[in-house]
C-alpha atoms as a PDB file:
ATOM      1  CA  UNK A   1      -5.574  22.467   7.908  1.00  0.00           C
ATOM      2  CA  UNK A   2      -2.571  20.133   7.949  1.00  0.00           C
ATOM      3  CA  UNK A   3       0.891  21.603   8.441  1.00  0.00           C
ATOM      4  CA  UNK A   4       2.438  18.638   6.624  1.00  0.00           C
ATOM      5  CA  UNK A   5       2.523  18.909   2.833  1.00  0.00           C
ATOM      6  CA  UNK A   6       1.119  16.073   0.734  1.00  0.00           C
ATOM      7  CA  UNK A   7       3.873  13.609  -0.094  1.00  0.00           C
ATOM      8  CA  UNK A   8       6.032  14.390   2.950  1.00  0.00           C
ATOM      9  CA  UNK A   9       4.717  11.483   5.009  1.00  0.00           C
ATOM     10  CA  UNK A  10       5.433   8.993   2.207  1.00  0.00           C
ATOM     11  CA  UNK A  11       9.042  10.193   1.957  1.00  0.00           C
ATOM     12  CA  UNK A  12       9.533   9.779   5.724  1.00  0.00           C
ATOM     13  CA  UNK A  13       7.981   6.290   5.641  1.00  0.00           C
ATOM     14  CA  UNK A  14      10.181   5.202   2.712  1.00  0.00           C
ATOM     15  CA  UNK A  15      13.347   6.313   4.511  1.00  0.00           C
ATOM     16  CA  UNK A  16      12.329   4.654   7.800  1.00  0.00           C
ATOM     17  CA  UNK A  17      11.304   1.413   6.050  1.00  0.00           C
ATOM     18  CA  UNK A  18      14.624   1.264   4.192  1.00  0.00           C
ATOM     19  CA  UNK A  19      16.535   1.590   7.478  1.00  0.00           C
ATOM     20  CA  UNK A  20      14.365  -1.010   9.245  1.00  0.00           C
ATOM     21  CA  UNK A  21      14.657  -3.521   6.388  1.00  0.00           C
ATOM     22  CA  UNK A  22      18.442  -3.112   6.218  1.00  0.00           C
ATOM     23  CA  UNK A  23      18.630  -3.795   9.964  1.00  0.00           C
ATOM     24  CA  UNK A  24      16.532  -6.991   9.513  1.00  0.00           C
ATOM     25  CA  UNK A  25      13.219  -5.746  10.829  1.00  0.00           C
ATOM     26  CA  UNK A  26      10.181  -7.313   9.095  1.00  0.00           C
ATOM     27  CA  UNK A  27      12.517 -10.057   7.767  1.00  0.00           C
ATOM     28  CA  UNK A  28       9.780 -12.709   7.497  1.00  0.00           C
ATOM     29  CA  UNK A  29       7.583 -10.425   5.417  1.00  0.00           C
ATOM     30  CA  UNK A  30      10.386  -9.137   3.186  1.00  0.00           C
ATOM     31  CA  UNK A  31      11.483 -12.723   2.499  1.00  0.00           C
ATOM     32  CA  UNK A  32       8.190 -13.301   0.665  1.00  0.00           C
ATOM     33  CA  UNK A  33       8.777 -10.281  -1.569  1.00  0.00           C
ATOM     34  CA  UNK A  34      12.340 -11.152  -2.571  1.00  0.00           C
ATOM     35  CA  UNK A  35      15.932 -10.306  -1.753  1.00  0.00           C
ATOM     36  CA  UNK A  36      16.307  -7.650   0.957  1.00  0.00           C
ATOM     37  CA  UNK A  37      18.611  -5.477  -1.154  1.00  0.00           C
ATOM     38  CA  UNK A  38      16.142  -5.569  -4.046  1.00  0.00           C
ATOM     39  CA  UNK A  39      13.297  -4.363  -1.819  1.00  0.00           C
ATOM     40  CA  UNK A  40      15.421  -1.509  -0.436  1.00  0.00           C
ATOM     41  CA  UNK A  41      16.495  -0.498  -3.962  1.00  0.00           C
ATOM     42  CA  UNK A  42      12.821  -0.469  -4.992  1.00  0.00           C
ATOM     43  CA  UNK A  43      11.933   1.833  -2.087  1.00  0.00           C
ATOM     44  CA  UNK A  44      14.864   4.162  -2.728  1.00  0.00           C
ATOM     45  CA  UNK A  45      14.072   4.260  -6.456  1.00  0.00           C
ATOM     46  CA  UNK A  46      10.590   5.393  -5.464  1.00  0.00           C
ATOM     47  CA  UNK A  47      12.133   8.272  -3.516  1.00  0.00           C
ATOM     48  CA  UNK A  48      14.142   9.465  -6.501  1.00  0.00           C
ATOM     49  CA  UNK A  49      11.384   8.979  -9.061  1.00  0.00           C
ATOM     50  CA  UNK A  50       8.832  11.163  -7.249  1.00  0.00           C
ATOM     51  CA  UNK A  51      10.661  14.147  -8.735  1.00  0.00           C
ATOM     52  CA  UNK A  52      10.100  12.908 -12.294  1.00  0.00           C
ATOM     53  CA  UNK A  53       6.823  13.328 -14.167  1.00  0.00           C
ATOM     54  CA  UNK A  54       6.016  13.134 -17.853  1.00  0.00           C
ATOM     55  CA  UNK A  55       3.046  14.544 -19.770  1.00  0.00           C
ATOM     56  CA  UNK A  56       0.425  12.054 -20.904  1.00  0.00           C
ATOM     57  CA  UNK A  57      -1.972  14.457 -22.628  1.00  0.00           C
ATOM     58  CA  UNK A  58      -2.846  18.163 -22.547  1.00  0.00           C
ATOM     59  CA  UNK A  59      -3.457  18.540 -18.786  1.00  0.00           C
ATOM     60  CA  UNK A  60      -2.316  15.109 -17.580  1.00  0.00           C
ATOM     61  CA  UNK A  61       0.976  14.189 -15.949  1.00  0.00           C
ATOM     62  CA  UNK A  62       2.188  10.784 -14.765  1.00  0.00           C
ATOM     63  CA  UNK A  63       4.487  10.742 -11.750  1.00  0.00           C
ATOM     64  CA  UNK A  64       7.036   7.927 -12.028  1.00  0.00           C
ATOM     65  CA  UNK A  65       7.407   7.360  -8.287  1.00  0.00           C
ATOM     66  CA  UNK A  66       3.698   7.652  -7.522  1.00  0.00           C
ATOM     67  CA  UNK A  67       2.221   5.713 -10.448  1.00  0.00           C
ATOM     68  CA  UNK A  68       4.705   3.899 -12.696  1.00  0.00           C
ATOM     69  CA  UNK A  69       6.815   2.325  -9.941  1.00  0.00           C
ATOM     70  CA  UNK A  70       3.803   0.990  -7.967  1.00  0.00           C
ATOM     71  CA  UNK A  71       2.460  -0.581 -11.178  1.00  0.00           C
ATOM     72  CA  UNK A  72       5.849  -2.216 -11.803  1.00  0.00           C
ATOM     73  CA  UNK A  73       5.876  -3.508  -8.218  1.00  0.00           C
ATOM     74  CA  UNK A  74       2.331  -4.826  -8.578  1.00  0.00           C
ATOM     75  CA  UNK A  75       3.091  -6.669 -11.821  1.00  0.00           C
ATOM     76  CA  UNK A  76       6.302  -8.116 -10.362  1.00  0.00           C
ATOM     77  CA  UNK A  77       4.464  -9.527  -7.343  1.00  0.00           C
ATOM     78  CA  UNK A  78       1.562 -10.755  -9.478  1.00  0.00           C
ATOM     79  CA  UNK A  79       3.718 -12.664 -11.973  1.00  0.00           C
ATOM     80  CA  UNK A  80       6.704 -13.619  -9.801  1.00  0.00           C
ATOM     81  CA  UNK A  81       5.372 -14.058  -6.255  1.00  0.00           C
ATOM     82  CA  UNK A  82       1.722 -15.096  -6.725  1.00  0.00           C
ATOM     83  CA  UNK A  83       0.968 -18.694  -7.682  1.00  0.00           C
ATOM     84  CA  UNK A  84      -1.013 -19.411 -10.847  1.00  0.00           C
ATOM     85  CA  UNK A  85      -4.059 -20.592  -8.892  1.00  0.00           C
ATOM     86  CA  UNK A  86      -4.162 -17.345  -6.896  1.00  0.00           C
ATOM     87  CA  UNK A  87      -3.734 -14.853  -9.761  1.00  0.00           C
ATOM     88  CA  UNK A  88      -7.449 -14.509 -10.535  1.00  0.00           C
ATOM     89  CA  UNK A  89      -8.207 -14.048  -6.846  1.00  0.00           C
ATOM     90  CA  UNK A  90      -5.573 -11.303  -6.509  1.00  0.00           C
ATOM     91  CA  UNK A  91      -6.771  -9.543  -9.689  1.00  0.00           C
ATOM     92  CA  UNK A  92     -10.381  -9.628  -8.466  1.00  0.00           C
ATOM     93  CA  UNK A  93      -9.382  -8.342  -5.034  1.00  0.00           C
ATOM     94  CA  UNK A  94      -7.329  -5.582  -6.685  1.00  0.00           C
ATOM     95  CA  UNK A  95     -10.401  -4.401  -8.578  1.00  0.00           C
ATOM     96  CA  UNK A  96     -12.385  -4.486  -5.329  1.00  0.00           C
ATOM     97  CA  UNK A  97      -9.795  -2.348  -3.555  1.00  0.00           C
ATOM     98  CA  UNK A  98      -9.577   0.075  -6.502  1.00  0.00           C
ATOM     99  CA  UNK A  99     -13.369   0.415  -6.464  1.00  0.00           C
ATOM    100  CA  UNK A 100     -13.323   0.972  -2.687  1.00  0.00           C
ATOM    101  CA  UNK A 101     -10.659   3.665  -3.038  1.00  0.00           C
ATOM    102  CA  UNK A 102     -12.668   5.374  -5.768  1.00  0.00           C
ATOM    103  CA  UNK A 103     -15.866   5.164  -3.691  1.00  0.00           C
ATOM    104  CA  UNK A 104     -14.173   6.656  -0.617  1.00  0.00           C
ATOM    105  CA  UNK A 105     -12.790   9.552  -2.658  1.00  0.00           C
ATOM    106  CA  UNK A 106     -16.221  10.160  -4.181  1.00  0.00           C
ATOM    107  CA  UNK A 107     -17.946  10.111  -0.787  1.00  0.00           C
ATOM    108  CA  UNK A 108     -15.422  12.551   0.662  1.00  0.00           C
ATOM    109  CA  UNK A 109     -15.828  14.819  -2.353  1.00  0.00           C
ATOM    110  CA  UNK A 110     -19.624  14.813  -1.973  1.00  0.00           C
ATOM    111  CA  UNK A 111     -19.775  14.820   1.846  1.00  0.00           C
ATOM    112  CA  UNK A 112     -16.563  16.255   3.362  1.00  0.00           C
ATOM    113  CA  UNK A 113     -18.262  16.179   6.760  1.00  0.00           C
ATOM    114  CA  UNK A 114     -17.483  12.438   7.039  1.00  0.00           C
ATOM    115  CA  UNK A 115     -13.801  13.290   7.472  1.00  0.00           C
ATOM    116  CA  UNK A 116     -12.629  13.164  11.093  1.00  0.00           C
ATOM    117  CA  UNK A 117      -8.911  13.395  10.219  1.00  0.00           C
ATOM    118  CA  UNK A 118      -6.752  14.207   7.192  1.00  0.00           C
ATOM    119  CA  UNK A 119      -8.176  12.538   4.074  1.00  0.00           C
ATOM    120  CA  UNK A 120      -5.084  10.488   3.248  1.00  0.00           C
ATOM    121  CA  UNK A 121      -4.880   9.138   6.823  1.00  0.00           C
ATOM    122  CA  UNK A 122      -8.533   8.150   6.977  1.00  0.00           C
ATOM    123  CA  UNK A 123      -8.504   6.451   3.571  1.00  0.00           C
ATOM    124  CA  UNK A 124      -5.290   4.596   4.439  1.00  0.00           C
ATOM    125  CA  UNK A 125      -6.728   3.185   7.672  1.00  0.00           C
ATOM    126  CA  UNK A 126      -9.961   2.039   6.027  1.00  0.00           C
ATOM    127  CA  UNK A 127      -8.188   0.457   3.047  1.00  0.00           C
ATOM    128  CA  UNK A 128      -5.648  -1.288   5.286  1.00  0.00           C
ATOM    129  CA  UNK A 129      -8.434  -2.890   7.317  1.00  0.00           C
ATOM    130  CA  UNK A 130     -10.138  -3.998   4.097  1.00  0.00           C
ATOM    131  CA  UNK A 131      -6.892  -5.507   2.773  1.00  0.00           C
ATOM    132  CA  UNK A 132      -6.337  -7.466   6.004  1.00  0.00           C
ATOM    133  CA  UNK A 133      -9.900  -8.807   5.775  1.00  0.00           C
ATOM    134  CA  UNK A 134      -9.895  -9.884   2.112  1.00  0.00           C
ATOM    135  CA  UNK A 135      -6.348 -11.234   1.739  1.00  0.00           C
ATOM    136  CA  UNK A 136      -4.800 -13.885   3.973  1.00  0.00           C
ATOM    137  CA  UNK A 137      -1.277 -13.958   2.527  1.00  0.00           C
ATOM    138  CA  UNK A 138       1.182 -11.145   3.170  1.00  0.00           C
ATOM    139  CA  UNK A 139       2.455 -10.959  -0.394  1.00  0.00           C
ATOM    140  CA  UNK A 140      -1.128 -10.694  -1.681  1.00  0.00           C
ATOM    141  CA  UNK A 141      -1.779  -7.768   0.636  1.00  0.00           C
ATOM    142  CA  UNK A 142       1.169  -5.817  -0.722  1.00  0.00           C
ATOM    143  CA  UNK A 143       0.000  -6.501  -4.275  1.00  0.00           C
ATOM    144  CA  UNK A 144      -3.508  -5.252  -3.454  1.00  0.00           C
ATOM    145  CA  UNK A 145      -2.206  -1.998  -1.997  1.00  0.00           C
ATOM    146  CA  UNK A 146       0.163  -1.282  -4.885  1.00  0.00           C
ATOM    147  CA  UNK A 147      -2.362  -2.150  -7.574  1.00  0.00           C
ATOM    148  CA  UNK A 148      -5.654  -1.203  -5.940  1.00  0.00           C
ATOM    149  CA  UNK A 149      -4.694   2.292  -4.797  1.00  0.00           C
ATOM    150  CA  UNK A 150      -2.862   3.104  -8.026  1.00  0.00           C
ATOM    151  CA  UNK A 151      -5.695   1.941 -10.278  1.00  0.00           C
ATOM    152  CA  UNK A 152      -8.283   3.596  -8.054  1.00  0.00           C
ATOM    153  CA  UNK A 153      -6.409   6.905  -8.213  1.00  0.00           C
ATOM    154  CA  UNK A 154      -6.252   6.706 -12.000  1.00  0.00           C
ATOM    155  CA  UNK A 155      -9.990   5.997 -12.241  1.00  0.00           C
ATOM    156  CA  UNK A 156     -10.835   8.882  -9.898  1.00  0.00           C
ATOM    157  CA  UNK A 157      -8.707  11.338 -11.890  1.00  0.00           C
ATOM    158  CA  UNK A 158     -10.180  10.096 -15.164  1.00  0.00           C
ATOM    159  CA  UNK A 159     -13.705  10.536 -13.783  1.00  0.00           C
ATOM    160  CA  UNK A 160     -13.058  14.136 -12.677  1.00  0.00           C
ATOM    161  CA  UNK A 161     -10.583  15.294 -15.311  1.00  0.00           C
ATOM    162  CA  UNK A 162     -12.972  17.956 -16.591  1.00  0.00           C
ATOM    163  CA  UNK A 163     -13.096  19.571 -13.139  1.00  0.00           C
ATOM    164  CA  UNK A 164      -9.336  19.631 -12.675  1.00  0.00           C
ATOM    165  CA  UNK A 165      -7.072  22.209 -14.248  1.00  0.00           C
ATOM    166  CA  UNK A 166      -4.097  19.873 -13.995  1.00  0.00           C
ATOM    167  CA  UNK A 167      -4.137  16.137 -13.332  1.00  0.00           C
ATOM    168  CA  UNK A 168      -1.080  14.511 -11.746  1.00  0.00           C
ATOM    169  CA  UNK A 169      -1.560  10.755 -11.446  1.00  0.00           C
ATOM    170  CA  UNK A 170       0.462   9.565  -8.469  1.00  0.00           C
ATOM    171  CA  UNK A 171       0.649  12.935  -6.727  1.00  0.00           C
ATOM    172  CA  UNK A 172       1.734  13.523  -3.127  1.00  0.00           C
ATOM    173  CA  UNK A 173      -1.615  12.644  -1.593  1.00  0.00           C
ATOM    174  CA  UNK A 174      -1.867   9.365  -3.527  1.00  0.00           C
ATOM    175  CA  UNK A 175       1.706   8.465  -2.507  1.00  0.00           C
ATOM    176  CA  UNK A 176       0.854   9.179   1.126  1.00  0.00           C
ATOM    177  CA  UNK A 177      -2.167   6.855   0.987  1.00  0.00           C
ATOM    178  CA  UNK A 178      -0.112   4.106  -0.634  1.00  0.00           C
ATOM    179  CA  UNK A 179       2.849   4.197   1.746  1.00  0.00           C
ATOM    180  CA  UNK A 180       0.786   4.734   4.901  1.00  0.00           C
ATOM    181  CA  UNK A 181      -1.346   1.740   3.891  1.00  0.00           C
ATOM    182  CA  UNK A 182       1.764  -0.362   3.261  1.00  0.00           C
ATOM    183  CA  UNK A 183       3.167   0.592   6.653  1.00  0.00           C
ATOM    184  CA  UNK A 184      -0.083  -0.181   8.498  1.00  0.00           C
ATOM    185  CA  UNK A 185      -0.433  -3.569   6.805  1.00  0.00           C
ATOM    186  CA  UNK A 186       3.232  -4.381   7.440  1.00  0.00           C
ATOM    187  CA  UNK A 187       2.855  -3.588  11.150  1.00  0.00           C
ATOM    188  CA  UNK A 188      -0.435  -5.493  11.449  1.00  0.00           C
ATOM    189  CA  UNK A 189       1.025  -8.498   9.594  1.00  0.00           C
ATOM    190  CA  UNK A 190       3.956  -8.722  11.981  1.00  0.00           C
ATOM    191  CA  UNK A 191       1.680  -8.132  14.978  1.00  0.00           C
ATOM    192  CA  UNK A 192      -0.552 -11.010  13.864  1.00  0.00           C
ATOM    193  CA  UNK A 193       2.516 -13.251  13.450  1.00  0.00           C
ATOM    194  CA  UNK A 194       3.770 -12.342  16.939  1.00  0.00           C
ATOM    195  CA  UNK A 195       0.349 -13.026  18.487  1.00  0.00           C
ATOM    196  CA  UNK A 196       0.116 -16.416  16.724  1.00  0.00           C
ATOM    197  CA  UNK A 197       3.606 -17.363  17.892  1.00  0.00           C
ATOM    198  CA  UNK A 198       2.730 -16.314  21.445  1.00  0.00           C
ATOM    199  CA  UNK A 199      -0.369 -18.531  21.448  1.00  0.00           C
ATOM    200  CA  UNK A 200       1.632 -21.439  20.020  1.00  0.00           C
ATOM    201  CA  UNK A 201       4.270 -21.109  22.739  1.00  0.00           C
ATOM    202  CA  UNK A 202       1.585 -20.795  25.383  1.00  0.00           C
ATOM    203  CA  UNK A 203      -0.255 -23.907  24.139  1.00  0.00           C
ATOM    204  CA  UNK A 204       3.012 -25.905  24.023  1.00  0.00           C
ATOM    205  CA  UNK A 205       3.846 -24.811  27.552  1.00  0.00           C
ATOM    206  CA  UNK A 206       0.375 -25.806  28.746  1.00  0.00           C
ATOM    207  CA  UNK A 207       0.695 -29.246  27.133  1.00  0.00           C
ATOM    208  CA  UNK A 208       4.146 -29.733  28.673  1.00  0.00           C
ATOM    209  CA  UNK A 209       2.871 -28.826  32.144  1.00  0.00           C
ATOM    210  CA  UNK A 210      -0.071 -31.205  31.807  1.00  0.00           C
ATOM    211  CA  UNK A 211       2.215 -34.058  30.813  1.00  0.00           C
ATOM    212  CA  UNK A 212       4.374 -33.433  33.868  1.00  0.00           C
END
């Protein structure tokens, strides 16, 4: 049993990311998303909005920070940062990620024995690897995480609404999966960039030495 409550990890990640972005970490990645201050405001708005939910129907609640804000972020990236020729590809990949998220939740529900760590951690790692494999551009990866996890969570809750006394779309666990996945992809993206730059420098050095 985890000693960390659902939603706590996402709050910690949002605070750390805000500090790192302000101090110019991940600058190449953030540049693709937009102005640095706008990205930080988006993250901080997510922190404040997790405390606000509104009823959708009898036993349904929508969390603003866990559902509405990720959808807004997804639509912003899709229409403002994704080229027209790539929109269909991103939408298709989003549906694939949402389906994968739903499938993982279903498998865990049916066979909990497949869990070797906390559910949100395991799902985040698997989805992050999938995102890296199916999307080559950084901005596309962020769109897939925001849209795929959010849509997948909605589908899962809709599928099992009869079994749940109270449905909160965008709850603490869903927020943890989303922000852990974003963090993993952000780290892997920058690691890949650093490795590519290292190989480029090494190849240039080798060429220079050969010429001499």
